[in-house]
Amino acid sequence: MSEAKTLGDRIDALETRLMFQDETIETLNKTITAQWLKIDALTRQVLDLSDRLREAETHPPDAANEAPPHY
């Protein structure tokens, strides 16, 4: 009977570890998904800013149409 109890305890321990690992994997998956969404948004923002900078460099503002700095 002791062997069956030991085997049962081992199975219980394995099930507990498996449940903990499943929770950890799910948490990591959610974290990675959130990071990728943030990376994607930041990448789009950098591309947009890069396009705006390129546009500003190719079409500099006309100094004659600008208001003086004291306005």
PDB file of N, CA and C in Angstrom:
ATOM      1  N   MET A   1       0.821  -1.197   0.000  1.00  0.00           N
ATOM      2  CA  MET A   1       0.000   0.000   0.000  1.00  0.00           C
ATOM      3  C   MET A   1       0.865   1.260   0.000  1.00  0.00           C
ATOM      4  N   SER A   2       2.031   1.197   0.576  1.00  0.00           N
ATOM      5  CA  SER A   2       2.928   2.338   0.639  1.00  0.00           C
ATOM      6  C   SER A   2       3.398   2.740  -0.757  1.00  0.00           C
ATOM      7  N   GLU A   3       3.590   1.732  -1.618  1.00  0.00           N
ATOM      8  CA  GLU A   3       4.035   2.011  -2.982  1.00  0.00           C
ATOM      9  C   GLU A   3       2.968   2.785  -3.750  1.00  0.00           C
ATOM     10  N   ALA A   4       1.720   2.433  -3.572  1.00  0.00           N
ATOM     11  CA  ALA A   4       0.620   3.114  -4.247  1.00  0.00           C
ATOM     12  C   ALA A   4       0.491   4.555  -3.749  1.00  0.00           C
ATOM     13  N   LYS A   5       0.692   4.748  -2.445  1.00  0.00           N
ATOM     14  CA  LYS A   5       0.620   6.101  -1.888  1.00  0.00           C
ATOM     15  C   LYS A   5       1.764   6.945  -2.414  1.00  0.00           C
ATOM     16  N   THR A   6       2.958   6.390  -2.490  1.00  0.00           N
ATOM     17  CA  THR A   6       4.112   7.110  -3.012  1.00  0.00           C
ATOM     18  C   THR A   6       3.886   7.476  -4.476  1.00  0.00           C
ATOM     19  N   LEU A   7       3.362   6.531  -5.250  1.00  0.00           N
ATOM     20  CA  LEU A   7       3.078   6.786  -6.660  1.00  0.00           C
ATOM     21  C   LEU A   7       2.004   7.879  -6.795  1.00  0.00           C
ATOM     22  N   GLY A   8       0.997   7.826  -5.956  1.00  0.00           N
ATOM     23  CA  GLY A   8      -0.060   8.849  -5.969  1.00  0.00           C
ATOM     24  C   GLY A   8       0.490  10.233  -5.618  1.00  0.00           C
ATOM     25  N   ASP A   9       1.393  10.257  -4.631  1.00  0.00           N
ATOM     26  CA  ASP A   9       2.007  11.532  -4.251  1.00  0.00           C
ATOM     27  C   ASP A   9       2.847  12.096  -5.399  1.00  0.00           C
ATOM     28  N   ARG A  10       3.558  11.224  -6.078  1.00  0.00           N
ATOM     29  CA  ARG A  10       4.378  11.663  -7.211  1.00  0.00           C
ATOM     30  C   ARG A  10       3.494  12.202  -8.337  1.00  0.00           C
ATOM     31  N   ILE A  11       2.390  11.535  -8.591  1.00  0.00           N
ATOM     32  CA  ILE A  11       1.471  11.993  -9.640  1.00  0.00           C
ATOM     33  C   ILE A  11       0.879  13.351  -9.257  1.00  0.00           C
ATOM     34  N   ASP A  12       0.502  13.492  -7.981  1.00  0.00           N
ATOM     35  CA  ASP A  12      -0.032  14.778  -7.514  1.00  0.00           C
ATOM     36  C   ASP A  12       1.008  15.894  -7.684  1.00  0.00           C
ATOM     37  N   ALA A  13       2.257  15.594  -7.347  1.00  0.00           N
ATOM     38  CA  ALA A  13       3.324  16.591  -7.486  1.00  0.00           C
ATOM     39  C   ALA A  13       3.522  16.967  -8.950  1.00  0.00           C
ATOM     40  N   LEU A  14       3.488  15.973  -9.831  1.00  0.00           N
ATOM     41  CA  LEU A  14       3.634  16.251 -11.262  1.00  0.00           C
ATOM     42  C   LEU A  14       2.469  17.077 -11.800  1.00  0.00           C
ATOM     43  N   GLU A  15       1.271  16.767 -11.374  1.00  0.00           N
ATOM     44  CA  GLU A  15       0.108  17.541 -11.805  1.00  0.00           C
ATOM     45  C   GLU A  15       0.200  18.987 -11.326  1.00  0.00           C
ATOM     46  N   THR A  16       0.675  19.172 -10.103  1.00  0.00           N
ATOM     47  CA  THR A  16       0.842  20.520  -9.561  1.00  0.00           C
ATOM     48  C   THR A  16       1.877  21.291 -10.373  1.00  0.00           C
ATOM     49  N   ARG A  17       2.991  20.650 -10.668  1.00  0.00           N
ATOM     50  CA  ARG A  17       4.033  21.296 -11.471  1.00  0.00           C
ATOM     51  C   ARG A  17       3.528  21.618 -12.868  1.00  0.00           C
ATOM     52  N   LEU A  18       2.773  20.725 -13.459  1.00  0.00           N
ATOM     53  CA  LEU A  18       2.232  20.942 -14.794  1.00  0.00           C
ATOM     54  C   LEU A  18       1.270  22.136 -14.794  1.00  0.00           C
ATOM     55  N   MET A  19       0.431  22.235 -13.771  1.00  0.00           N
ATOM     56  CA  MET A  19      -0.500  23.350 -13.682  1.00  0.00           C
ATOM     57  C   MET A  19       0.273  24.668 -13.546  1.00  0.00           C
ATOM     58  N   PHE A  20       1.321  24.684 -12.722  1.00  0.00           N
ATOM     59  CA  PHE A  20       2.138  25.876 -12.552  1.00  0.00           C
ATOM     60  C   PHE A  20       2.818  26.248 -13.868  1.00  0.00           C
ATOM     61  N   GLN A  21       3.332  25.251 -14.576  1.00  0.00           N
ATOM     62  CA  GLN A  21       3.989  25.510 -15.858  1.00  0.00           C
ATOM     63  C   GLN A  21       3.000  26.042 -16.888  1.00  0.00           C
ATOM     64  N   ASP A  22       1.797  25.513 -16.921  1.00  0.00           N
ATOM     65  CA  ASP A  22       0.774  26.003 -17.842  1.00  0.00           C
ATOM     66  C   ASP A  22       0.446  27.471 -17.564  1.00  0.00           C
ATOM     67  N   GLU A  23       0.314  27.822 -16.291  1.00  0.00           N
ATOM     68  CA  GLU A  23       0.034  29.212 -15.920  1.00  0.00           C
ATOM     69  C   GLU A  23       1.199  30.116 -16.315  1.00  0.00           C
ATOM     70  N   THR A  24       2.414  29.644 -16.093  1.00  0.00           N
ATOM     71  CA  THR A  24       3.599  30.431 -16.441  1.00  0.00           C
ATOM     72  C   THR A  24       3.692  30.637 -17.950  1.00  0.00           C
ATOM     73  N   ILE A  25       3.446  29.594 -18.710  1.00  0.00           N
ATOM     74  CA  ILE A  25       3.484  29.700 -20.173  1.00  0.00           C
ATOM     75  C   ILE A  25       2.427  30.683 -20.657  1.00  0.00           C
ATOM     76  N   GLU A  26       1.240  30.636 -20.094  1.00  0.00           N
ATOM     77  CA  GLU A  26       0.170  31.559 -20.496  1.00  0.00           C
ATOM     78  C   GLU A  26       0.545  32.996 -20.168  1.00  0.00           C
ATOM     79  N   THR A  27       1.129  33.225 -19.005  1.00  0.00           N
ATOM     80  CA  THR A  27       1.564  34.566 -18.619  1.00  0.00           C
ATOM     81  C   THR A  27       2.642  35.073 -19.563  1.00  0.00           C
ATOM     82  N   LEU A  28       3.614  34.221 -19.870  1.00  0.00           N
ATOM     83  CA  LEU A  28       4.676  34.604 -20.795  1.00  0.00           C
ATOM     84  C   LEU A  28       4.121  34.901 -22.183  1.00  0.00           C
ATOM     85  N   ASN A  29       3.173  34.103 -22.626  1.00  0.00           N
ATOM     86  CA  ASN A  29       2.561  34.315 -23.931  1.00  0.00           C
ATOM     87  C   ASN A  29       1.864  35.668 -23.998  1.00  0.00           C
ATOM     88  N   LYS A  30       1.116  36.012 -22.940  1.00  0.00           N
ATOM     89  CA  LYS A  30       0.440  37.305 -22.902  1.00  0.00           C
ATOM     90  C   LYS A  30       1.448  38.449 -22.900  1.00  0.00           C
ATOM     91  N   THR A  31       2.534  38.292 -22.161  1.00  0.00           N
ATOM     92  CA  THR A  31       3.563  39.325 -22.093  1.00  0.00           C
ATOM     93  C   THR A  31       4.219  39.525 -23.451  1.00  0.00           C
ATOM     94  N   ILE A  32       4.568  38.434 -24.112  1.00  0.00           N
ATOM     95  CA  ILE A  32       5.207  38.523 -25.421  1.00  0.00           C
ATOM     96  C   ILE A  32       4.260  39.142 -26.443  1.00  0.00           C
ATOM     97  N   THR A  33       2.995  38.764 -26.398  1.00  0.00           N
ATOM     98  CA  THR A  33       2.014  39.342 -27.322  1.00  0.00           C
ATOM     99  C   THR A  33       1.901  40.847 -27.115  1.00  0.00           C
ATOM    100  N   ALA A  34       1.839  41.287 -25.864  1.00  0.00           N
ATOM    101  CA  ALA A  34       1.752  42.719 -25.570  1.00  0.00           C
ATOM    102  C   ALA A  34       3.009  43.442 -26.045  1.00  0.00           C
ATOM    103  N   GLN A  35       4.175  42.820 -25.859  1.00  0.00           N
ATOM    104  CA  GLN A  35       5.422  43.441 -26.308  1.00  0.00           C
ATOM    105  C   GLN A  35       5.450  43.573 -27.826  1.00  0.00           C
ATOM    106  N   TRP A  36       5.007  42.562 -28.535  1.00  0.00           N
ATOM    107  CA  TRP A  36       4.999  42.635 -29.989  1.00  0.00           C
ATOM    108  C   TRP A  36       4.049  43.705 -30.482  1.00  0.00           C
ATOM    109  N   LEU A  37       2.906  43.867 -29.833  1.00  0.00           N
ATOM    110  CA  LEU A  37       1.983  44.930 -30.212  1.00  0.00           C
ATOM    111  C   LEU A  37       2.627  46.298 -30.010  1.00  0.00           C
ATOM    112  N   LYS A  38       3.329  46.462 -28.899  1.00  0.00           N
ATOM    113  CA  LYS A  38       4.014  47.721 -28.615  1.00  0.00           C
ATOM    114  C   LYS A  38       5.137  47.950 -29.620  1.00  0.00           C
ATOM    115  N   ILE A  39       5.916  46.927 -29.915  1.00  0.00           N
ATOM    116  CA  ILE A  39       7.001  47.040 -30.891  1.00  0.00           C
ATOM    117  C   ILE A  39       6.436  47.426 -32.260  1.00  0.00           C
ATOM    118  N   ASP A  40       5.335  46.812 -32.640  1.00  0.00           N
ATOM    119  CA  ASP A  40       4.710  47.120 -33.924  1.00  0.00           C
ATOM    120  C   ASP A  40       4.253  48.578 -33.971  1.00  0.00           C
ATOM    121  N   ALA A  41       3.633  49.054 -32.905  1.00  0.00           N
ATOM    122  CA  ALA A  41       3.184  50.445 -32.849  1.00  0.00           C
ATOM    123  C   ALA A  41       4.373  51.402 -32.899  1.00  0.00           C
ATOM    124  N   LEU A  42       5.428  51.087 -32.172  1.00  0.00           N
ATOM    125  CA  LEU A  42       6.614  51.942 -32.177  1.00  0.00           C
ATOM    126  C   LEU A  42       7.302  51.936 -33.539  1.00  0.00           C
ATOM    127  N   THR A  43       7.327  50.798 -34.201  1.00  0.00           N
ATOM    128  CA  THR A  43       7.908  50.711 -35.535  1.00  0.00           C
ATOM    129  C   THR A  43       7.140  51.592 -36.508  1.00  0.00           C
ATOM    130  N   ARG A  44       5.810  51.539 -36.442  1.00  0.00           N
ATOM    131  CA  ARG A  44       4.999  52.395 -37.310  1.00  0.00           C
ATOM    132  C   ARG A  44       5.247  53.870 -37.009  1.00  0.00           C
ATOM    133  N   GLN A  45       5.389  54.197 -35.727  1.00  0.00           N
ATOM    134  CA  GLN A  45       5.638  55.581 -35.342  1.00  0.00           C
ATOM    135  C   GLN A  45       6.991  56.055 -35.863  1.00  0.00           C
ATOM    136  N   VAL A  46       8.009  55.230 -35.755  1.00  0.00           N
ATOM    137  CA  VAL A  46       9.338  55.590 -36.255  1.00  0.00           C
ATOM    138  C   VAL A  46       9.298  55.783 -37.771  1.00  0.00           C
ATOM    139  N   LEU A  47       8.609  54.901 -38.483  1.00  0.00           N
ATOM    140  CA  LEU A  47       8.490  55.050 -39.932  1.00  0.00           C
ATOM    141  C   LEU A  47       7.767  56.345 -40.293  1.00  0.00           C
ATOM    142  N   ASP A  48       6.707  56.671 -39.565  1.00  0.00           N
ATOM    143  CA  ASP A  48       5.973  57.905 -39.816  1.00  0.00           C
ATOM    144  C   ASP A  48       6.853  59.124 -39.562  1.00  0.00           C
ATOM    145  N   LEU A  49       7.573  59.119 -38.457  1.00  0.00           N
ATOM    146  CA  LEU A  49       8.463  60.240 -38.144  1.00  0.00           C
ATOM    147  C   LEU A  49       9.587  60.353 -39.170  1.00  0.00           C
ATOM    148  N   SER A  50      10.072  59.227 -39.618  1.00  0.00           N
ATOM    149  CA  SER A  50      11.118  59.210 -40.643  1.00  0.00           C
ATOM    150  C   SER A  50      10.601  59.821 -41.943  1.00  0.00           C
ATOM    151  N   ASP A  51       9.368  59.463 -42.314  1.00  0.00           N
ATOM    152  CA  ASP A  51       8.763  60.042 -43.516  1.00  0.00           C
ATOM    153  C   ASP A  51       8.571  61.552 -43.361  1.00  0.00           C
ATOM    154  N   ARG A  52       8.113  61.967 -42.192  1.00  0.00           N
ATOM    155  CA  ARG A  52       7.907  63.395 -41.957  1.00  0.00           C
ATOM    156  C   ARG A  52       9.220  64.157 -41.991  1.00  0.00           C
ATOM    157  N   LEU A  53      10.280  63.573 -41.431  1.00  0.00           N
ATOM    158  CA  LEU A  53      11.590  64.214 -41.453  1.00  0.00           C
ATOM    159  C   LEU A  53      12.111  64.319 -42.882  1.00  0.00           C
ATOM    160  N   ARG A  54      11.964  63.268 -43.640  1.00  0.00           N
ATOM    161  CA  ARG A  54      12.399  63.269 -45.035  1.00  0.00           C
ATOM    162  C   ARG A  54      11.641  64.343 -45.819  1.00  0.00           C
ATOM    163  N   GLU A  55      10.346  64.446 -45.565  1.00  0.00           N
ATOM    164  CA  GLU A  55       9.531  65.467 -46.235  1.00  0.00           C
ATOM    165  C   GLU A  55       9.985  66.866 -45.838  1.00  0.00           C
ATOM    166  N   ALA A  56      10.273  67.071 -44.566  1.00  0.00           N
ATOM    167  CA  ALA A  56      10.725  68.385 -44.092  1.00  0.00           C
ATOM    168  C   ALA A  56      12.088  68.742 -44.676  1.00  0.00           C
ATOM    169  N   GLU A  57      12.950  67.745 -44.849  1.00  0.00           N
ATOM    170  CA  GLU A  57      14.275  68.010 -45.416  1.00  0.00           C
ATOM    171  C   GLU A  57      14.195  68.350 -46.896  1.00  0.00           C
ATOM    172  N   THR A  58      13.278  67.733 -47.617  1.00  0.00           N
ATOM    173  CA  THR A  58      13.173  67.996 -49.049  1.00  0.00           C
ATOM    174  C   THR A  58      12.370  69.259 -49.343  1.00  0.00           C
ATOM    175  N   HIS A  59      11.529  69.684 -48.434  1.00  0.00           N
ATOM    176  CA  HIS A  59      10.728  70.896 -48.608  1.00  0.00           C
ATOM    177  C   HIS A  59      10.904  71.793 -47.385  1.00  0.00           C
ATOM    178  N   PRO A  60      12.042  72.455 -47.266  1.00  0.00           N
ATOM    179  CA  PRO A  60      12.242  73.316 -46.092  1.00  0.00           C
ATOM    180  C   PRO A  60      11.258  74.483 -46.119  1.00  0.00           C
ATOM    181  N   PRO A  61      10.871  74.960 -44.944  1.00  0.00           N
ATOM    182  CA  PRO A  61       9.916  76.079 -44.903  1.00  0.00           C
ATOM    183  C   PRO A  61      10.535  77.338 -45.504  1.00  0.00           C
ATOM    184  N   ASP A  62       9.710  78.126 -46.136  1.00  0.00           N
ATOM    185  CA  ASP A  62      10.148  79.379 -46.743  1.00  0.00           C
ATOM    186  C   ASP A  62      10.259  80.432 -45.644  1.00  0.00           C
ATOM    187  N   ALA A  63      11.449  80.999 -45.475  1.00  0.00           N
ATOM    188  CA  ALA A  63      11.690  81.976 -44.415  1.00  0.00           C
ATOM    189  C   ALA A  63      10.868  83.240 -44.617  1.00  0.00           C
ATOM    190  N   ALA A  64      10.519  83.592 -45.833  1.00  0.00           N
ATOM    191  CA  ALA A  64       9.753  84.811 -46.097  1.00  0.00           C
ATOM    192  C   ALA A  64       8.322  84.688 -45.588  1.00  0.00           C
ATOM    193  N   ASN A  65       7.785  83.490 -45.503  1.00  0.00           N
ATOM    194  CA  ASN A  65       6.400  83.300 -45.068  1.00  0.00           C
ATOM    195  C   ASN A  65       6.261  83.037 -43.570  1.00  0.00           C
ATOM    196  N   GLU A  66       7.362  82.961 -42.871  1.00  0.00           N
ATOM    197  CA  GLU A  66       7.310  82.687 -41.441  1.00  0.00           C
ATOM    198  C   GLU A  66       7.157  83.967 -40.644  1.00  0.00           C
ATOM    199  N   ALA A  67       6.446  83.850 -39.550  1.00  0.00           N
ATOM    200  CA  ALA A  67       6.313  85.002 -38.648  1.00  0.00           C
ATOM    201  C   ALA A  67       7.621  85.196 -37.899  1.00  0.00           C
ATOM    202  N   PRO A  68       7.929  86.422 -37.540  1.00  0.00           N
ATOM    203  CA  PRO A  68       9.158  86.659 -36.755  1.00  0.00           C
ATOM    204  C   PRO A  68       9.089  85.914 -35.418  1.00  0.00           C
ATOM    205  N   PRO A  69      10.229  85.564 -34.851  1.00  0.00           N
ATOM    206  CA  PRO A  69      10.235  84.761 -33.622  1.00  0.00           C
ATOM    207  C   PRO A  69       9.580  85.454 -32.428  1.00  0.00           C
ATOM    208  N   HIS A  70       9.488  86.771 -32.419  1.00  0.00           N
ATOM    209  CA  HIS A  70       8.893  87.458 -31.265  1.00  0.00           C
ATOM    210  C   HIS A  70       7.372  87.448 -31.287  1.00  0.00           C
ATOM    211  N   TYR A  71       6.748  86.875 -32.298  1.00  0.00           N
ATOM    212  CA  TYR A  71       5.281  86.801 -32.374  1.00  0.00           C
ATOM    213  C   TYR A  71       4.791  85.605 -31.676  1.00  0.00           C
TER     214      TYR A  71
END
